[in-house]
Amino acid sequence: KKVLCTKVPYFAAMFRSGSTFPESQSSVIDFPEDKPEDFKIFLSWLYQEKLPSIELSLAKDSDWLSAAWKTLWSFYTLADKLNLVEIMDESIDGFLKCAGDVEWRPEPALLAEIYASAPAGLKKICAHSLAFEVTYVSSDVEVKDLAGVLHGDVELLFDVLNIMNSASGDVRDPRWIHGCDFHVHGEKSQCSRNEHNGRTRRRYGSSSSLATSTRAYFDMS
């Protein structure tokens, strides 16, 4: 309890003297909507002061990428609930770093599903990823999929069009964007991505590293 209250203001308020939260009396906290896997990541940060690397096996289809998006979505939602802005930003950085050396083709329907219920930071990256997909769409099937997804959510459509308009139609691959475009920290807070600003970025395209035996890391450290 002491560690929780020291590092997480959410719990400090819950367990402070005179608190009206029932948890302050029972010392039992229930998070029925969150997954045990997310708390394992949270506890790693709590005691080791860094997010763990999450190993992902990469297959020749989109399964690995869908799993990565769902992992990010689930953990990010928990971090938002606890108002842990720093690890919300770090989790997005780790996800983008993981996806840096493979073909970037997220499923439009999954991005729309995440966008519909995600906190602000994830909405940004979903909308930007879809704007990037629209910019580089290459088949009638993809056009139909994207049109169906955007037609179903006016707010998402507005955000995608706004991103494309701001980029004059040349939307950048979200993995290679420097700075804190997808972060939610305050303007005066230090950006955790500044250290990556000098890194060489690879352009969008197919990747020879997509093989069943390939390993990538959702490196949140």
Protein backbone atom coordinates (compact mmCIF):
# COMPACT_ATOMS: atom_id res chain seq x y z
CA LYS A 1 0.00 0.00 0.00
CA LYS A 2 2.85 2.40 0.81
CA VAL A 3 4.43 1.89 -2.62
CA LEU A 4 1.10 2.37 -4.37
CA CYS A 5 0.33 5.58 -2.50
CA THR A 6 3.82 6.98 -3.01
CA LYS A 7 3.89 6.51 -6.77
CA VAL A 8 0.24 6.67 -7.79
CA PRO A 9 -1.85 9.71 -6.73
CA TYR A 10 -5.03 7.75 -7.53
CA PHE A 11 -4.28 5.33 -4.71
CA ALA A 12 -2.94 8.04 -2.41
CA ALA A 13 -6.33 9.77 -2.58
CA MET A 14 -8.15 6.48 -2.08
CA PHE A 15 -6.24 5.52 1.07
CA ARG A 16 -5.62 8.91 2.66
CA SER A 17 -6.77 9.49 6.21
CA GLY A 18 -10.46 10.30 6.33
CA SER A 19 -11.12 8.95 2.84
CA THR A 20 -14.71 8.00 2.09
CA PHE A 21 -13.66 5.33 -0.42
CA PRO A 22 -14.83 1.89 0.83
CA GLU A 23 -11.45 0.53 -0.30
CA SER A 24 -9.76 2.58 2.43
CA GLN A 25 -11.50 0.40 4.99
CA SER A 26 -11.33 -2.98 3.27
CA SER A 27 -7.89 -2.50 1.63
CA VAL A 28 -9.32 -4.42 -1.33
CA ILE A 29 -9.46 -2.78 -4.76
CA ASP A 30 -11.51 -4.31 -7.54
CA PHE A 31 -10.89 -3.59 -11.23
CA PRO A 32 -13.37 -5.95 -12.95
CA GLU A 33 -12.99 -4.36 -16.38
CA ASP A 34 -9.19 -4.68 -16.51
CA LYS A 35 -7.05 -7.70 -17.37
CA PRO A 36 -4.52 -9.44 -15.08
CA GLU A 37 -1.92 -9.04 -17.85
CA ASP A 38 -2.26 -5.26 -17.63
CA PHE A 39 -1.62 -5.33 -13.89
CA LYS A 40 1.50 -7.42 -14.44
CA ILE A 41 2.82 -4.63 -16.67
CA PHE A 42 1.73 -2.04 -14.11
CA LEU A 43 3.43 -3.87 -11.23
CA SER A 44 6.63 -4.13 -13.23
CA TRP A 45 6.61 -0.35 -13.62
CA LEU A 46 5.65 0.12 -9.98
CA TYR A 47 8.59 -1.86 -8.57
CA GLN A 48 11.20 -1.56 -11.34
CA GLU A 49 10.35 1.97 -12.49
CA LYS A 50 10.17 0.93 -16.13
CA LEU A 51 7.73 -0.84 -18.39
CA PRO A 52 8.70 -4.35 -19.46
CA SER A 53 9.55 -5.57 -22.93
CA ILE A 54 6.69 -7.61 -24.32
CA GLU A 55 7.92 -10.20 -26.80
CA LEU A 56 5.80 -10.79 -29.87
CA SER A 57 6.22 -13.54 -32.46
CA LEU A 58 5.74 -12.11 -35.92
CA ALA A 59 3.80 -14.19 -38.45
CA LYS A 60 3.20 -13.52 -42.12
CA ASP A 61 -0.28 -12.20 -41.47
CA SER A 62 -1.78 -9.37 -39.41
CA ASP A 63 -2.37 -11.42 -36.25
CA TRP A 64 0.74 -10.17 -34.49
CA LEU A 65 -0.07 -6.53 -35.21
CA SER A 66 -3.67 -6.91 -34.03
CA ALA A 67 -2.38 -8.49 -30.81
CA ALA A 68 0.05 -5.60 -30.31
CA TRP A 69 -2.70 -3.02 -30.81
CA LYS A 70 -4.97 -4.83 -28.36
CA THR A 71 -2.20 -5.04 -25.76
CA LEU A 72 -1.54 -1.32 -26.09
CA TRP A 73 -5.27 -0.51 -25.96
CA SER A 74 -5.88 -2.57 -22.84
CA PHE A 75 -2.87 -1.36 -20.85
CA TYR A 76 -3.21 2.26 -21.97
CA THR A 77 -6.83 2.28 -20.78
CA LEU A 78 -5.74 1.08 -17.34
CA ALA A 79 -2.97 3.71 -17.18
CA ASP A 80 -5.50 6.39 -18.14
CA LYS A 81 -7.85 5.20 -15.40
CA LEU A 82 -5.01 5.61 -12.89
CA ASN A 83 -4.03 8.97 -14.44
CA LEU A 84 -0.46 7.79 -15.07
CA VAL A 85 0.38 10.14 -17.91
CA GLU A 86 4.06 9.20 -18.02
CA ILE A 87 3.48 5.52 -18.67
CA MET A 88 0.63 6.27 -21.08
CA ASP A 89 3.14 8.13 -23.22
CA GLU A 90 5.86 5.52 -22.72
CA SER A 91 3.54 2.68 -23.72
CA ILE A 92 2.81 4.39 -27.05
CA ASP A 93 6.53 4.98 -27.60
CA GLY A 94 7.24 1.32 -26.90
CA PHE A 95 4.54 0.20 -29.29
CA LEU A 96 5.81 2.40 -32.12
CA LYS A 97 9.36 1.19 -31.50
CA CYS A 98 8.17 -2.43 -31.67
CA ALA A 99 6.51 -1.83 -35.03
CA GLY A 100 9.51 0.02 -36.45
CA ASP A 101 11.03 -2.80 -38.51
CA VAL A 102 7.99 -4.56 -39.94
CA GLU A 103 5.32 -3.85 -42.51
CA TRP A 104 2.82 -1.40 -41.07
CA ARG A 105 -0.67 -2.44 -42.13
CA PRO A 106 -3.11 -2.17 -39.21
CA GLU A 107 -6.64 -3.43 -39.74
CA PRO A 108 -8.93 -0.39 -40.30
CA ALA A 109 -11.84 -2.00 -38.44
CA LEU A 110 -9.66 -2.61 -35.36
CA LEU A 111 -8.37 0.97 -35.40
CA ALA A 112 -11.94 2.25 -35.57
CA GLU A 113 -12.98 -0.02 -32.71
CA ILE A 114 -10.12 1.23 -30.53
CA TYR A 115 -10.79 4.86 -31.50
CA ALA A 116 -14.44 4.59 -30.46
CA SER A 117 -13.66 3.90 -26.79
CA ALA A 118 -10.01 4.84 -26.28
CA PRO A 119 -8.57 7.76 -24.28
CA ALA A 120 -7.29 10.81 -26.16
CA GLY A 121 -3.72 9.66 -26.87
CA LEU A 122 -4.86 6.44 -28.51
CA LYS A 123 -7.51 8.27 -30.51
CA LYS A 124 -4.73 10.39 -32.01
CA ILE A 125 -2.61 7.46 -33.13
CA CYS A 126 -5.61 5.53 -34.49
CA ALA A 127 -6.78 8.50 -36.54
CA HIS A 128 -3.27 9.19 -37.81
CA SER A 129 -2.74 5.53 -38.74
CA LEU A 130 -5.99 5.55 -40.71
CA ALA A 131 -5.05 8.81 -42.43
CA PHE A 132 -1.76 7.18 -43.43
CA GLU A 133 -3.65 4.14 -44.76
CA VAL A 134 -5.96 6.38 -46.81
CA THR A 135 -2.95 8.22 -48.25
CA TYR A 136 -1.28 5.01 -49.44
CA VAL A 137 -4.33 2.83 -50.21
CA SER A 138 -3.46 0.52 -53.11
CA SER A 139 -6.46 -1.63 -53.97
CA ASP A 140 -10.23 -1.45 -54.41
CA VAL A 141 -10.68 -3.82 -51.46
CA GLU A 142 -8.70 -1.52 -49.19
CA VAL A 143 -10.67 1.50 -50.43
CA LYS A 144 -13.94 -0.29 -49.60
CA ASP A 145 -12.72 -1.30 -46.14
CA LEU A 146 -11.52 2.20 -45.29
CA ALA A 147 -14.68 3.83 -46.65
CA GLY A 148 -16.86 1.54 -44.56
CA VAL A 149 -14.91 2.25 -41.39
CA LEU A 150 -14.87 6.03 -41.85
CA HIS A 151 -18.52 6.17 -42.88
CA GLY A 152 -19.48 4.58 -39.57
CA ASP A 153 -17.89 7.20 -37.31
CA VAL A 154 -18.27 10.90 -38.14
CA GLU A 155 -15.85 12.00 -35.40
CA LEU A 156 -13.17 9.63 -36.70
CA LEU A 157 -13.77 10.77 -40.27
CA PHE A 158 -13.37 14.40 -39.20
CA ASP A 159 -10.08 13.66 -37.41
CA VAL A 160 -8.70 11.69 -40.39
CA LEU A 161 -9.62 14.44 -42.86
CA ASN A 162 -8.17 17.09 -40.56
CA ILE A 163 -4.86 15.18 -40.35
CA MET A 164 -4.73 14.79 -44.14
CA ASN A 165 -5.54 18.45 -44.67
CA SER A 166 -2.84 19.56 -42.20
CA ALA A 167 -0.32 17.34 -43.99
CA SER A 168 -1.41 18.59 -47.42
CA GLY A 169 -2.18 14.99 -48.36
CA ASP A 170 1.30 13.72 -47.51
CA VAL A 171 0.64 11.96 -44.21
CA ARG A 172 3.74 10.60 -42.52
CA ASP A 173 4.12 7.08 -41.21
CA PRO A 174 3.17 7.45 -37.51
CA ARG A 175 6.17 5.32 -36.48
CA TRP A 176 8.60 7.91 -37.79
CA ILE A 177 7.07 11.04 -36.32
CA HIS A 178 9.42 12.77 -33.88
CA GLY A 179 8.41 14.53 -30.71
CA CYS A 180 5.25 13.93 -28.78
CA ASP A 181 2.40 14.08 -31.29
CA PHE A 182 0.63 11.16 -29.61
CA HIS A 183 1.46 12.08 -26.02
CA VAL A 184 -0.90 13.53 -23.44
CA HIS A 185 1.61 15.14 -21.07
CA GLY A 186 1.45 18.86 -20.34
CA GLU A 187 3.19 21.44 -22.51
CA LYS A 188 5.86 22.09 -19.89
CA SER A 189 6.56 18.42 -19.17
CA GLN A 190 9.63 16.70 -20.60
CA CYS A 191 8.85 14.54 -23.61
CA SER A 192 10.03 10.94 -23.34
CA ARG A 193 10.60 10.75 -27.12
CA ASN A 194 13.18 13.55 -27.25
CA GLU A 195 15.95 11.00 -26.88
CA HIS A 196 14.89 9.38 -30.16
CA ASN A 197 15.01 12.53 -32.27
CA GLY A 198 18.37 11.72 -33.79
CA ARG A 199 17.49 8.21 -34.90
CA THR A 200 17.39 7.21 -38.55
CA ARG A 201 13.90 6.32 -39.70
CA ARG A 202 13.05 3.84 -42.45
CA ARG A 203 10.44 4.76 -45.03
CA TYR A 204 7.13 2.96 -45.43
CA GLY A 205 7.24 -0.27 -47.43
CA SER A 206 7.43 -4.03 -47.24
CA SER A 207 9.85 -5.62 -44.84
CA SER A 208 12.09 -8.59 -45.43
CA SER A 209 12.02 -9.23 -41.68
CA LEU A 210 8.46 -10.63 -41.79
CA ALA A 211 9.17 -14.29 -41.07
CA THR A 212 7.66 -16.73 -38.64
CA SER A 213 10.89 -17.03 -36.68
CA THR A 214 11.37 -13.28 -36.40
CA ARG A 215 11.08 -11.71 -32.97
CA ALA A 216 10.26 -8.10 -32.16
CA TYR A 217 9.83 -6.44 -28.85
CA PHE A 218 7.09 -4.21 -27.54
CA ASP A 219 9.89 -2.39 -25.75
CA MET A 220 8.38 -0.12 -23.12
CA SER A 221 11.61 0.49 -21.25
